[in-house]
Amino acid sequence: MSDIDTKPQAVERTKTKQPPLYKVILLNDDYTPREFVVVVLKAVFRMTEDQSYAVMMTAHQRGACVVATYTRDIAESKASEANDMARGAGHPLEFSTEPEE
């Protein structure tokens, strides 16, 4: 009999930890036209007309609405792009980010 172990060895697999996610939040204001909000949501977040309208109305009725969830860098980039678009058009529209719980 041989001392060689012929059983297959268990392979340990390490799970890659997913990066934390951040929410992009649309804050309602009483000055930015609704149509412009829809344009920004479609352009920056690639939403359809119906999705954009629903998000805009939710923010209008509740004061804020989560637009999307991304990794931190992407969330901050999208919020910044949307804020820049609003400032460029002279609107006070505001997008912010916060960690997802």
N, C-alpha and C. Protein backbone atom coordinates (compact mmCIF):
# COMPACT_ATOMS: atom_id res chain seq x y z
N MET A 1 0.82 -1.18 0.00
CA MET A 1 0.00 0.00 0.00
C MET A 1 0.88 1.25 0.00
N SER A 2 0.45 2.25 -0.71
CA SER A 2 1.22 3.48 -0.86
C SER A 2 0.80 4.53 0.16
N ASP A 3 1.72 5.38 0.55
CA ASP A 3 1.42 6.47 1.47
C ASP A 3 0.95 7.72 0.74
N ILE A 4 0.75 7.64 -0.55
CA ILE A 4 0.31 8.79 -1.35
C ILE A 4 -1.19 8.96 -1.18
N ASP A 5 -1.59 10.18 -0.83
CA ASP A 5 -3.01 10.49 -0.65
C ASP A 5 -3.62 10.75 -2.02
N THR A 6 -4.60 9.96 -2.41
CA THR A 6 -5.21 10.10 -3.73
C THR A 6 -6.54 10.85 -3.66
N LYS A 7 -6.95 11.29 -2.48
CA LYS A 7 -8.21 12.06 -2.37
C LYS A 7 -7.98 13.47 -2.91
N PRO A 8 -8.97 14.00 -3.63
CA PRO A 8 -8.83 15.37 -4.12
C PRO A 8 -8.82 16.35 -2.94
N GLN A 9 -7.97 17.34 -3.03
CA GLN A 9 -7.87 18.34 -1.96
C GLN A 9 -8.96 19.39 -2.14
N ALA A 10 -9.53 19.82 -1.03
CA ALA A 10 -10.54 20.89 -1.07
C ALA A 10 -9.84 22.19 -1.43
N VAL A 11 -10.45 22.93 -2.31
CA VAL A 11 -9.90 24.21 -2.72
C VAL A 11 -10.69 25.30 -2.00
N GLU A 12 -9.97 26.14 -1.28
CA GLU A 12 -10.64 27.24 -0.60
C GLU A 12 -10.83 28.37 -1.58
N ARG A 13 -12.04 28.87 -1.59
CA ARG A 13 -12.35 30.02 -2.44
C ARG A 13 -12.67 31.21 -1.55
N THR A 14 -12.03 32.30 -1.84
CA THR A 14 -12.32 33.50 -1.06
C THR A 14 -13.37 34.30 -1.81
N LYS A 15 -14.33 34.77 -1.07
CA LYS A 15 -15.37 35.60 -1.70
C LYS A 15 -14.89 37.04 -1.73
N THR A 16 -15.08 37.66 -2.87
CA THR A 16 -14.72 39.06 -3.00
C THR A 16 -15.83 39.89 -2.37
N LYS A 17 -15.44 40.76 -1.47
CA LYS A 17 -16.42 41.61 -0.81
C LYS A 17 -16.90 42.66 -1.79
N GLN A 18 -18.21 42.81 -1.89
CA GLN A 18 -18.79 43.81 -2.78
C GLN A 18 -18.55 45.20 -2.18
N PRO A 19 -18.26 46.17 -3.04
CA PRO A 19 -18.06 47.53 -2.51
C PRO A 19 -19.37 48.08 -1.96
N PRO A 20 -19.30 48.97 -0.98
CA PRO A 20 -20.53 49.54 -0.44
C PRO A 20 -21.25 50.36 -1.50
N LEU A 21 -22.56 50.37 -1.43
CA LEU A 21 -23.37 51.10 -2.42
C LEU A 21 -23.84 52.43 -1.85
N TYR A 22 -24.02 53.37 -2.75
CA TYR A 22 -24.48 54.71 -2.40
C TYR A 22 -25.71 55.06 -3.21
N LYS A 23 -26.65 55.74 -2.56
CA LYS A 23 -27.88 56.18 -3.21
C LYS A 23 -27.66 57.58 -3.78
N VAL A 24 -28.20 57.81 -4.96
CA VAL A 24 -28.27 59.16 -5.51
C VAL A 24 -29.69 59.63 -5.24
N ILE A 25 -29.81 60.78 -4.58
CA ILE A 25 -31.11 61.28 -4.15
C ILE A 25 -31.42 62.59 -4.85
N LEU A 26 -32.62 62.68 -5.40
CA LEU A 26 -33.13 63.91 -6.00
C LEU A 26 -33.89 64.67 -4.93
N LEU A 27 -33.48 65.92 -4.68
CA LEU A 27 -34.16 66.76 -3.70
C LEU A 27 -35.10 67.71 -4.42
N ASN A 28 -36.31 67.81 -3.92
CA ASN A 28 -37.31 68.68 -4.55
C ASN A 28 -37.00 70.15 -4.26
N ASP A 29 -37.30 71.00 -5.22
CA ASP A 29 -37.28 72.44 -5.00
C ASP A 29 -38.50 73.02 -5.70
N ASP A 30 -38.85 74.22 -5.35
CA ASP A 30 -40.07 74.81 -5.90
C ASP A 30 -39.81 75.71 -7.11
N TYR A 31 -38.60 75.63 -7.66
CA TYR A 31 -38.23 76.55 -8.73
C TYR A 31 -37.88 75.88 -10.06
N THR A 32 -37.30 74.70 -10.01
CA THR A 32 -36.88 74.03 -11.24
C THR A 32 -38.11 73.47 -11.96
N PRO A 33 -38.26 73.77 -13.24
CA PRO A 33 -39.40 73.23 -13.98
C PRO A 33 -39.37 71.70 -14.04
N ARG A 34 -40.52 71.11 -13.92
CA ARG A 34 -40.64 69.64 -13.94
C ARG A 34 -40.05 69.05 -15.21
N GLU A 35 -40.28 69.74 -16.32
CA GLU A 35 -39.79 69.24 -17.61
C GLU A 35 -38.27 69.14 -17.61
N PHE A 36 -37.61 70.12 -16.97
CA PHE A 36 -36.15 70.09 -16.91
C PHE A 36 -35.66 68.92 -16.06
N VAL A 37 -36.33 68.65 -14.96
CA VAL A 37 -35.96 67.53 -14.09
C VAL A 37 -36.02 66.23 -14.89
N VAL A 38 -37.07 66.06 -15.68
CA VAL A 38 -37.22 64.86 -16.52
C VAL A 38 -36.07 64.77 -17.53
N VAL A 39 -35.70 65.89 -18.13
CA VAL A 39 -34.59 65.91 -19.09
C VAL A 39 -33.29 65.46 -18.42
N VAL A 40 -33.02 65.96 -17.21
CA VAL A 40 -31.79 65.59 -16.49
C VAL A 40 -31.80 64.10 -16.16
N LEU A 41 -32.92 63.60 -15.65
CA LEU A 41 -33.00 62.18 -15.30
C LEU A 41 -32.79 61.28 -16.52
N LYS A 42 -33.34 61.68 -17.65
CA LYS A 42 -33.15 60.90 -18.88
C LYS A 42 -31.70 60.96 -19.34
N ALA A 43 -31.10 62.14 -19.30
CA ALA A 43 -29.74 62.32 -19.82
C ALA A 43 -28.68 61.67 -18.93
N VAL A 44 -28.76 61.90 -17.64
CA VAL A 44 -27.70 61.45 -16.74
C VAL A 44 -27.91 60.01 -16.28
N PHE A 45 -29.17 59.66 -15.99
CA PHE A 45 -29.45 58.34 -15.41
C PHE A 45 -30.05 57.36 -16.41
N ARG A 46 -30.13 57.78 -17.67
CA ARG A 46 -30.59 56.90 -18.77
C ARG A 46 -31.97 56.29 -18.49
N MET A 47 -32.86 57.11 -17.93
CA MET A 47 -34.22 56.65 -17.65
C MET A 47 -35.11 56.90 -18.85
N THR A 48 -36.21 56.17 -18.91
CA THR A 48 -37.21 56.43 -19.94
C THR A 48 -38.02 57.65 -19.52
N GLU A 49 -38.82 58.15 -20.40
CA GLU A 49 -39.71 59.28 -20.10
C GLU A 49 -40.62 58.95 -18.92
N ASP A 50 -41.22 57.76 -18.94
CA ASP A 50 -42.13 57.36 -17.85
C ASP A 50 -41.39 57.21 -16.52
N GLN A 51 -40.22 56.59 -16.53
CA GLN A 51 -39.44 56.43 -15.29
C GLN A 51 -39.04 57.79 -14.73
N SER A 52 -38.58 58.67 -15.60
CA SER A 52 -38.16 60.00 -15.19
C SER A 52 -39.32 60.77 -14.57
N TYR A 53 -40.46 60.70 -15.21
CA TYR A 53 -41.64 61.41 -14.70
C TYR A 53 -42.04 60.87 -13.32
N ALA A 54 -42.01 59.56 -13.15
CA ALA A 54 -42.39 58.95 -11.87
C ALA A 54 -41.43 59.36 -10.75
N VAL A 55 -40.13 59.37 -11.03
CA VAL A 55 -39.14 59.79 -10.03
C VAL A 55 -39.33 61.27 -9.69
N MET A 56 -39.52 62.10 -10.70
CA MET A 56 -39.72 63.54 -10.49
C MET A 56 -40.96 63.78 -9.64
N MET A 57 -42.05 63.09 -9.92
CA MET A 57 -43.29 63.28 -9.16
C MET A 57 -43.14 62.78 -7.72
N THR A 58 -42.43 61.70 -7.52
CA THR A 58 -42.20 61.20 -6.16
C THR A 58 -41.41 62.23 -5.35
N ALA A 59 -40.36 62.79 -5.95
CA ALA A 59 -39.58 63.83 -5.26
C ALA A 59 -40.45 65.06 -4.99
N HIS A 60 -41.29 65.40 -5.94
CA HIS A 60 -42.17 66.56 -5.78
C HIS A 60 -43.14 66.36 -4.62
N GLN A 61 -43.69 65.17 -4.51
CA GLN A 61 -44.70 64.89 -3.48
C GLN A 61 -44.09 64.61 -2.11
N ARG A 62 -42.93 63.98 -2.08
CA ARG A 62 -42.33 63.56 -0.80
C ARG A 62 -41.15 64.42 -0.36
N GLY A 63 -40.67 65.28 -1.24
CA GLY A 63 -39.54 66.13 -0.89
C GLY A 63 -38.20 65.58 -1.36
N ALA A 64 -38.12 64.28 -1.58
CA ALA A 64 -36.89 63.65 -2.07
C ALA A 64 -37.24 62.27 -2.63
N CYS A 65 -36.35 61.75 -3.46
CA CYS A 65 -36.57 60.43 -4.05
C CYS A 65 -35.22 59.81 -4.41
N VAL A 66 -35.06 58.54 -4.10
CA VAL A 66 -33.85 57.83 -4.52
C VAL A 66 -33.95 57.59 -6.02
N VAL A 67 -32.95 58.06 -6.73
CA VAL A 67 -32.93 57.93 -8.18
C VAL A 67 -32.34 56.58 -8.59
N ALA A 68 -31.19 56.23 -7.99
CA ALA A 68 -30.49 55.00 -8.34
C ALA A 68 -29.46 54.70 -7.27
N THR A 69 -28.90 53.50 -7.34
CA THR A 69 -27.87 53.06 -6.39
C THR A 69 -26.67 52.57 -7.18
N TYR A 70 -25.49 53.08 -6.80
CA TYR A 70 -24.24 52.74 -7.48
C TYR A 70 -23.12 52.59 -6.45
N THR A 71 -21.95 52.21 -6.94
CA THR A 71 -20.77 52.29 -6.09
C THR A 71 -20.50 53.77 -5.84
N ARG A 72 -19.70 54.08 -4.83
CA ARG A 72 -19.51 55.47 -4.41
C ARG A 72 -19.03 56.38 -5.53
N ASP A 73 -18.01 55.97 -6.25
CA ASP A 73 -17.46 56.83 -7.31
C ASP A 73 -18.49 57.15 -8.39
N ILE A 74 -19.23 56.15 -8.79
CA ILE A 74 -20.23 56.36 -9.84
C ILE A 74 -21.37 57.23 -9.32
N ALA A 75 -21.83 56.96 -8.10
CA ALA A 75 -22.92 57.76 -7.52
C ALA A 75 -22.53 59.23 -7.44
N GLU A 76 -21.32 59.49 -6.94
CA GLU A 76 -20.87 60.88 -6.82
C GLU A 76 -20.68 61.53 -8.18
N SER A 77 -20.22 60.77 -9.14
CA SER A 77 -20.04 61.29 -10.49
C SER A 77 -21.39 61.65 -11.14
N LYS A 78 -22.36 60.76 -10.98
CA LYS A 78 -23.70 61.00 -11.55
C LYS A 78 -24.36 62.21 -10.89
N ALA A 79 -24.28 62.29 -9.55
CA ALA A 79 -24.88 63.43 -8.84
C ALA A 79 -24.22 64.73 -9.28
N SER A 80 -22.90 64.72 -9.40
CA SER A 80 -22.17 65.90 -9.82
C SER A 80 -22.55 66.32 -11.25
N GLU A 81 -22.65 65.33 -12.14
CA GLU A 81 -23.03 65.62 -13.53
C GLU A 81 -24.42 66.25 -13.59
N ALA A 82 -25.36 65.70 -12.81
CA ALA A 82 -26.73 66.23 -12.79
C ALA A 82 -26.75 67.63 -12.19
N ASN A 83 -26.00 67.85 -11.11
CA ASN A 83 -25.95 69.19 -10.50
C ASN A 83 -25.33 70.20 -11.45
N ASP A 84 -24.28 69.80 -12.15
CA ASP A 84 -23.64 70.69 -13.12
C ASP A 84 -24.59 71.06 -14.25
N MET A 85 -25.36 70.08 -14.70
CA MET A 85 -26.34 70.32 -15.76
C MET A 85 -27.38 71.34 -15.30
N ALA A 86 -27.82 71.20 -14.05
CA ALA A 86 -28.81 72.13 -13.50
C ALA A 86 -28.22 73.54 -13.36
N ARG A 87 -27.00 73.63 -12.82
CA ARG A 87 -26.36 74.94 -12.64
C ARG A 87 -26.13 75.62 -13.99
N GLY A 88 -25.75 74.81 -14.97
CA GLY A 88 -25.51 75.35 -16.31
C GLY A 88 -26.76 75.94 -16.92
N ALA A 89 -27.92 75.43 -16.51
CA ALA A 89 -29.20 75.94 -17.03
C ALA A 89 -29.80 76.97 -16.08
N GLY A 90 -29.09 77.28 -14.99
CA GLY A 90 -29.57 78.30 -14.07
C GLY A 90 -30.64 77.82 -13.10
N HIS A 91 -30.68 76.51 -12.82
CA HIS A 91 -31.69 75.96 -11.90
C HIS A 91 -31.05 75.51 -10.59
N PRO A 92 -31.81 75.60 -9.49
CA PRO A 92 -31.27 75.17 -8.19
C PRO A 92 -31.45 73.67 -7.91
N LEU A 93 -31.80 72.91 -8.91
CA LEU A 93 -32.02 71.47 -8.75
C LEU A 93 -30.82 70.83 -8.06
N GLU A 94 -31.07 69.93 -7.11
CA GLU A 94 -30.00 69.36 -6.31
C GLU A 94 -30.10 67.84 -6.23
N PHE A 95 -28.97 67.19 -6.47
CA PHE A 95 -28.83 65.75 -6.29
C PHE A 95 -27.76 65.55 -5.23
N SER A 96 -27.96 64.58 -4.33
CA SER A 96 -26.97 64.28 -3.30
C SER A 96 -26.74 62.77 -3.27
N THR A 97 -25.73 62.35 -2.51
CA THR A 97 -25.47 60.92 -2.34
C THR A 97 -25.38 60.61 -0.85
N GLU A 98 -25.71 59.37 -0.53
CA GLU A 98 -25.54 58.89 0.84
C GLU A 98 -25.40 57.38 0.82
N PRO A 99 -24.71 56.82 1.81
CA PRO A 99 -24.52 55.37 1.83
C PRO A 99 -25.85 54.64 1.96
N GLU A 100 -25.93 53.52 1.28
CA GLU A 100 -27.12 52.68 1.40
C GLU A 100 -26.97 51.85 2.66
N GLU A 101 -28.05 51.72 3.41
CA GLU A 101 -27.98 50.94 4.65
C GLU A 101 -28.20 49.48 4.41
